[in-house]
N, C-alpha and C. Protein backbone atom coordinates (compact mmCIF):
# COMPACT_ATOMS: atom_id res chain seq x y z
N MET A 1 114.27 105.86 54.50
CA MET A 1 114.16 106.35 55.94
C MET A 1 114.21 105.24 57.23
N LYS A 2 114.76 105.97 58.25
CA LYS A 2 115.00 104.57 59.47
C LYS A 2 113.63 104.14 60.21
N ASP A 3 113.38 103.11 60.55
CA ASP A 3 112.39 102.91 61.49
C ASP A 3 112.69 103.50 62.74
N LYS A 4 111.94 104.77 63.27
CA LYS A 4 112.09 105.23 64.47
C LYS A 4 111.11 104.61 65.75
N ARG A 5 111.48 103.32 65.90
CA ARG A 5 110.71 102.62 67.02
C ARG A 5 111.50 103.09 68.61
N HIS A 6 110.84 103.21 69.66
CA HIS A 6 111.21 103.69 70.63
C HIS A 6 111.42 102.74 72.15
N ALA A 7 111.99 102.30 72.53
CA ALA A 7 112.22 101.40 73.61
C ALA A 7 111.86 101.77 74.58
N PRO A 8 111.15 101.03 75.59
CA PRO A 8 111.10 101.91 76.93
C PRO A 8 112.14 101.51 77.58
N SER A 9 112.55 102.71 78.47
CA SER A 9 113.89 102.55 79.10
C SER A 9 113.51 102.00 80.48
N VAL A 10 114.60 100.97 80.72
CA VAL A 10 114.67 100.56 82.17
C VAL A 10 114.61 101.51 83.26
N THR A 11 114.76 102.65 83.37
CA THR A 11 115.01 103.46 84.64
C THR A 11 113.72 104.68 84.26
N SER A 12 112.90 104.41 83.30
CA SER A 12 111.45 105.15 83.57
C SER A 12 110.47 104.44 83.96
N LEU A 13 110.88 102.90 84.38
CA LEU A 13 109.76 102.15 84.80
C LEU A 13 109.63 102.44 86.29
N PRO A 14 108.46 102.29 86.99
CA PRO A 14 108.23 102.41 88.33
C PRO A 14 109.06 101.23 89.24
N GLN A 15 109.44 101.58 90.36
CA GLN A 15 109.72 100.48 91.42
C GLN A 15 108.58 99.36 91.72
N SER A 16 109.63 98.15 91.74
CA SER A 16 108.60 96.90 91.76
C SER A 16 107.85 97.15 93.37
N PRO A 17 106.54 96.34 93.20
CA PRO A 17 106.03 96.57 94.47
C PRO A 17 106.83 95.76 95.57
N GLN A 18 107.64 94.94 95.76
CA GLN A 18 108.23 94.36 96.69
C GLN A 18 109.69 95.14 97.02
N ASP A 19 110.29 95.76 96.32
CA ASP A 19 111.13 96.96 96.65
C ASP A 19 110.63 97.85 97.40
N GLU A 20 109.43 98.34 96.82
CA GLU A 20 108.86 99.72 97.26
C GLU A 20 108.36 99.47 98.90
N ALA A 21 107.96 98.23 98.99
CA ALA A 21 107.68 97.62 100.31
C ALA A 21 108.63 97.25 101.06
N ASP A 22 109.78 97.09 100.76
CA ASP A 22 111.00 96.90 101.34
C ASP A 22 111.30 98.34 102.09
N HIS A 23 111.37 99.13 101.03
CA HIS A 23 111.69 100.82 101.27
C HIS A 23 110.81 101.10 102.71
N ARG A 24 109.72 100.83 102.31
CA ARG A 24 108.80 101.42 103.09
C ARG A 24 109.06 100.78 105.22
N VAL A 25 109.47 99.85 104.98
CA VAL A 25 109.62 99.01 106.13
C VAL A 25 110.93 99.38 106.44
N ARG A 26 111.88 99.80 106.02
CA ARG A 26 113.32 100.24 106.08
C ARG A 26 112.90 101.77 107.12
N ARG A 27 112.21 102.33 106.41
CA ARG A 27 111.77 103.75 106.69
C ARG A 27 111.24 103.72 107.97
N TYR A 28 110.00 102.78 108.25
CA TYR A 28 109.36 102.62 109.54
C TYR A 28 110.22 102.34 110.55
N ALA A 29 110.91 101.21 110.27
CA ALA A 29 112.06 100.95 111.53
C ALA A 29 112.59 101.84 111.64
N LEU A 30 113.69 102.61 110.74
CA LEU A 30 114.31 103.84 111.08
C LEU A 30 113.49 104.67 112.21
N THR A 31 112.58 105.14 111.69
CA THR A 31 111.44 105.88 112.64
C THR A 31 111.25 105.53 113.94
N MET A 32 110.95 104.19 114.10
CA MET A 32 110.56 103.63 115.37
C MET A 32 112.03 103.86 116.20
N GLY A 33 112.98 103.11 115.73
CA GLY A 33 114.21 103.27 116.22
C GLY A 33 114.96 104.48 116.70
N ILE A 34 114.53 105.72 116.17
CA ILE A 34 114.39 106.86 117.01
C ILE A 34 113.86 107.17 118.06
N ARG A 35 112.11 107.00 117.42
CA ARG A 35 111.32 106.72 119.00
C ARG A 35 111.61 106.19 120.22
N THR A 36 112.47 105.08 120.10
CA THR A 36 113.02 104.20 120.73
C THR A 36 114.10 104.77 121.65
N VAL A 37 114.96 105.58 120.64
CA VAL A 37 116.12 106.18 121.53
C VAL A 37 115.36 107.21 122.33
N CYS A 38 114.41 108.12 121.81
CA CYS A 38 114.02 109.31 122.46
C CYS A 38 113.23 108.83 123.71
N PHE A 39 112.61 107.60 124.09
CA PHE A 39 112.01 107.16 125.02
C PHE A 39 113.00 106.79 126.24
N LEU A 40 114.02 106.20 125.56
CA LEU A 40 115.19 105.62 126.43
C LEU A 40 116.10 106.98 127.30
N LEU A 41 115.85 108.01 126.37
CA LEU A 41 116.68 109.47 126.83
C LEU A 41 115.78 110.08 127.75
N MET A 42 114.55 110.17 127.27
CA MET A 42 113.70 110.44 128.31
C MET A 42 113.26 109.74 129.48
N ALA A 43 113.70 108.60 129.77
CA ALA A 43 113.89 107.83 131.10
C ALA A 43 114.87 107.98 131.88
N LEU A 44 116.03 108.18 130.78
CA LEU A 44 117.69 107.94 131.55
C LEU A 44 118.21 109.07 131.82
N VAL A 45 117.80 110.47 131.08
CA VAL A 45 118.42 111.63 131.54
C VAL A 45 118.16 112.52 132.52
N GLN A 46 118.91 112.82 133.44
CA GLN A 46 118.87 113.25 134.76
C GLN A 46 119.91 114.73 134.73
N PRO A 47 119.27 115.77 135.22
CA PRO A 47 118.04 115.99 135.95
C PRO A 47 116.88 116.14 134.90
N LEU A 48 115.76 116.14 135.57
CA LEU A 48 114.33 116.41 134.28
C LEU A 48 114.67 118.03 134.13
N GLY A 49 114.40 118.23 132.78
CA GLY A 49 114.61 119.59 132.52
C GLY A 49 113.61 119.63 131.15
N TRP A 50 113.71 120.79 130.15
CA TRP A 50 112.84 120.98 129.13
C TRP A 50 113.17 119.57 128.04
N TRP A 51 114.52 119.18 128.32
CA TRP A 51 114.83 117.96 127.12
C TRP A 51 114.12 116.80 127.43
N THR A 52 113.53 116.81 128.75
CA THR A 52 112.43 115.43 128.87
C THR A 52 111.44 115.56 128.18
N TRP A 53 110.78 116.81 128.06
CA TRP A 53 109.63 116.75 127.37
C TRP A 53 109.74 117.07 126.06
N ALA A 54 110.67 117.07 125.71
CA ALA A 54 111.25 117.14 124.21
C ALA A 54 111.31 115.52 123.74
N PHE A 55 111.65 114.80 124.52
CA PHE A 55 111.97 113.70 124.03
C PHE A 55 110.77 112.60 124.58
N ALA A 56 109.87 113.33 125.51
CA ALA A 56 108.61 112.66 125.73
C ALA A 56 107.66 113.10 124.63
N ALA A 57 107.64 114.36 123.91
CA ALA A 57 106.94 114.53 122.99
C ALA A 57 107.55 113.69 121.43
N ALA A 58 108.67 113.56 121.43
CA ALA A 58 108.91 113.14 120.20
C ALA A 58 108.49 111.26 120.42
N ALA A 59 108.63 110.84 121.55
CA ALA A 59 108.40 109.53 121.79
C ALA A 59 106.79 109.21 121.84
N ILE A 60 105.99 110.30 121.71
CA ILE A 60 104.49 110.31 121.54
C ILE A 60 104.02 110.42 120.17
N PHE A 61 104.84 111.37 119.62
CA PHE A 61 104.31 111.75 118.39
C PHE A 61 105.00 111.00 117.17
N LEU A 62 106.04 110.43 117.20
CA LEU A 62 106.92 109.48 116.37
C LEU A 62 106.10 108.48 115.56
N PRO A 63 105.22 107.67 116.31
CA PRO A 63 104.76 106.40 115.72
C PRO A 63 103.74 107.53 114.25
N TYR A 64 102.97 108.06 114.95
CA TYR A 64 101.98 108.90 113.45
C TYR A 64 102.91 109.47 112.55
N ILE A 65 104.14 109.95 113.00
CA ILE A 65 105.30 110.48 111.78
C ILE A 65 105.82 109.17 111.33
N ALA A 66 106.06 108.26 111.55
CA ALA A 66 106.85 107.09 111.07
C ALA A 66 105.52 106.34 110.20
N VAL A 67 104.47 106.19 110.38
CA VAL A 67 103.38 105.56 109.57
C VAL A 67 103.19 106.59 108.49
N VAL A 68 103.14 107.74 108.62
CA VAL A 68 103.05 108.78 107.43
C VAL A 68 104.15 108.61 106.48
N TYR A 69 105.27 109.02 107.47
CA TYR A 69 106.56 108.82 106.41
C TYR A 69 106.67 107.64 105.49
N ALA A 70 106.48 106.35 106.06
CA ALA A 70 106.21 104.86 105.45
C ALA A 70 105.47 104.77 104.45
N ASN A 71 104.12 105.37 104.70
CA ASN A 71 103.34 105.54 103.62
C ASN A 71 103.41 106.03 102.35
N ALA A 72 104.01 107.21 102.50
CA ALA A 72 104.43 108.07 101.21
C ALA A 72 104.78 107.38 100.54
N GLY A 73 105.64 106.39 100.33
CA GLY A 73 105.79 105.84 99.22
C GLY A 73 106.74 106.53 98.19
N SER A 74 106.85 106.19 97.31
CA SER A 74 107.40 106.79 95.67
C SER A 74 106.37 107.61 95.37
N ASP A 75 105.05 107.94 95.75
CA ASP A 75 104.34 108.46 94.81
C ASP A 75 104.62 110.08 94.97
N SER A 76 105.70 110.59 95.81
CA SER A 76 105.87 111.87 95.45
C SER A 76 106.86 112.04 94.34
N THR A 77 107.44 111.10 93.99
CA THR A 77 108.20 111.42 92.81
C THR A 77 107.52 110.64 91.33
N PRO A 78 107.53 111.56 90.50
CA PRO A 78 106.73 111.38 89.36
C PRO A 78 107.65 110.49 88.34
N SER A 79 106.92 109.59 88.00
CA SER A 79 107.59 108.75 86.98
C SER A 79 106.96 108.76 85.46
N ALA A 80 107.60 108.99 84.45
CA ALA A 80 107.09 108.94 83.08
C ALA A 80 107.09 107.61 82.47
N VAL A 81 106.48 106.84 82.80
CA VAL A 81 106.44 105.44 82.29
C VAL A 81 105.75 105.47 80.73
N GLU A 82 106.91 104.59 79.99
CA GLU A 82 106.80 104.83 78.56
C GLU A 82 105.96 103.59 78.21
N SER A 83 104.73 103.32 77.21
CA SER A 83 104.14 102.27 76.99
C SER A 83 105.04 101.53 76.28
N PRO A 84 104.91 100.31 76.41
CA PRO A 84 106.18 99.21 75.87
C PRO A 84 105.34 98.99 74.24
N VAL A 85 104.04 99.16 74.05
CA VAL A 85 103.25 99.08 72.77
C VAL A 85 104.09 99.63 71.77
N ALA A 86 104.38 99.34 70.75
CA ALA A 86 104.74 99.80 69.30
C ALA A 86 103.78 100.80 68.96
N GLN A 87 104.32 102.27 68.97
CA GLN A 87 103.25 103.52 68.32
C GLN A 87 103.55 103.56 66.94
N LEU A 88 102.21 103.72 66.15
CA LEU A 88 102.39 103.53 64.88
C LEU A 88 102.55 105.28 64.61
N GLU A 89 103.45 105.60 63.58
CA GLU A 89 103.14 107.13 63.27
C GLU A 89 101.98 107.41 62.15
N SER A 90 101.56 108.70 62.42
CA SER A 90 100.49 108.94 61.66
C SER A 90 101.09 109.54 60.62
N PRO A 91 100.37 109.64 59.11
CA PRO A 91 100.76 110.49 58.16
C PRO A 91 101.04 111.81 58.52
N ARG A 92 102.01 112.50 57.98
CA ARG A 92 102.31 113.77 58.12
C ARG A 92 100.86 114.57 57.21
N ALA A 93 100.72 115.49 57.76
CA ALA A 93 99.34 116.42 57.13
C ALA A 93 100.32 117.58 56.15
N SER A 94 99.92 117.54 55.02
CA SER A 94 100.50 118.64 54.11
C SER A 94 99.84 119.81 54.48
N ALA A 95 100.37 120.86 54.55
CA ALA A 95 100.09 122.42 54.84
C ALA A 95 99.19 123.04 53.47
N PRO A 96 98.04 123.56 53.81
CA PRO A 96 97.13 123.94 52.57
C PRO A 96 97.73 125.19 51.91
N GLU A 97 97.43 125.04 50.72
CA GLU A 97 98.07 125.74 50.00
C GLU A 97 97.39 127.27 49.84
N PRO A 98 98.31 128.32 49.83
CA PRO A 98 97.56 129.23 49.72
C PRO A 98 96.86 130.01 48.42
N THR A 99 95.68 130.53 48.45
CA THR A 99 95.06 130.83 47.00
C THR A 99 95.30 132.28 46.68
N ALA A 100 95.63 132.36 45.83
CA ALA A 100 95.93 133.95 44.85
C ALA A 100 94.57 134.54 44.85
N ALA A 101 93.47 133.86 44.70
CA ALA A 101 92.24 134.70 44.47
C ALA A 101 91.98 135.12 45.74
N ASP A 102 91.07 136.37 45.66
CA ASP A 102 90.58 136.95 47.02
C ASP A 102 89.33 136.09 47.45
N PRO A 103 89.35 135.59 48.87
CA PRO A 103 87.88 134.98 49.22
C PRO A 103 86.77 135.14 48.87
N ASP A 104 85.85 134.40 49.05
CA ASP A 104 84.56 135.16 48.84
C ASP A 104 84.06 135.58 50.38
N VAL A 105 83.42 136.91 50.29
CA VAL A 105 83.09 137.62 51.23
C VAL A 105 81.57 137.74 51.13
N ILE A 106 81.05 137.28 52.41
CA ILE A 106 79.27 137.67 52.02
C ILE A 106 79.17 138.75 53.38
N THR A 107 78.17 139.98 52.63
CA THR A 107 78.20 141.25 53.65
C THR A 107 76.79 141.00 53.95
N ILE A 108 76.24 141.09 55.16
CA ILE A 108 74.86 141.20 55.57
C ILE A 108 74.60 142.65 55.64
N ILE A 109 73.85 143.47 55.25
CA ILE A 109 73.43 144.52 55.89
C ILE A 109 72.22 144.68 56.53
N GLU A 110 71.82 145.35 57.55
CA GLU A 110 70.44 145.04 57.89
C GLU A 110 69.99 146.70 58.45
N ARG A 111 68.75 146.94 57.84
CA ARG A 111 68.56 148.20 58.18
C ARG A 111 67.00 148.04 58.94
N ARG A 112 66.73 149.02 59.88
CA ARG A 112 65.51 149.21 60.48
C ARG A 112 64.61 149.00 59.20
N ASP A 113 64.17 149.84 58.22
CA ASP A 113 62.97 149.50 57.34
C ASP A 113 63.15 148.05 56.45
N ASP A 114 64.43 147.38 56.29
CA ASP A 114 64.28 146.16 55.40
C ASP A 114 63.45 144.90 56.58
N ARG A 115 63.49 145.26 57.98
CA ARG A 115 62.97 144.12 59.08
C ARG A 115 61.35 144.44 58.44
N GLY A 116 60.96 145.37 58.39
CA GLY A 116 59.56 145.11 58.38
C GLY A 116 58.74 145.17 56.92
N ALA A 117 59.63 145.23 55.92
CA ALA A 117 59.18 144.92 54.57
C ALA A 117 58.62 144.05 54.27
N GLY A 118 59.35 142.82 54.69
CA GLY A 118 58.69 141.26 54.22
C GLY A 118 57.14 140.92 55.15
N GLU A 119 57.14 141.75 56.03
CA GLU A 119 55.88 141.33 56.81
C GLU A 119 54.61 142.43 56.31
N ARG A 120 54.78 143.01 55.17
CA ARG A 120 53.86 144.02 54.96
C ARG A 120 52.95 143.15 54.09
C-alpha cells in the first residue's frame, strides 16, 4: 500500500501581504486617476450641461469608492488553504456484523389500575 501524503499546492496558498498591498495601491491609483480625469473634464468641458454635473458627482464620490474598492482586497475570493502538517490517517472502522437472533425488546405496559396498586 502506498503512503498517501498530500503536499499543499502552491496555487492554494493566499497571496503574499506585499503583493496584496501592491495590488491595493494599484487599484486605488487607478480609481483616483479616473477621478482626476473627471475633475478636469468637469472644468474644461463647455458649454455647461448635465455631463458637467455627472463629472462633478464622479469627482466628489470617487474617493470614497476608491478607498472601499482598494480595501476590499482579496477577501472576496475564498481560498482553501491546506495545512502543511502531515495528516495521519485514522484506522478504518469495521462495520458491525448483523445478528441472526431477534434483538431483546422490553415492553412496558401501563394501566390506570397498576399505578395505584403499589401505593396501597
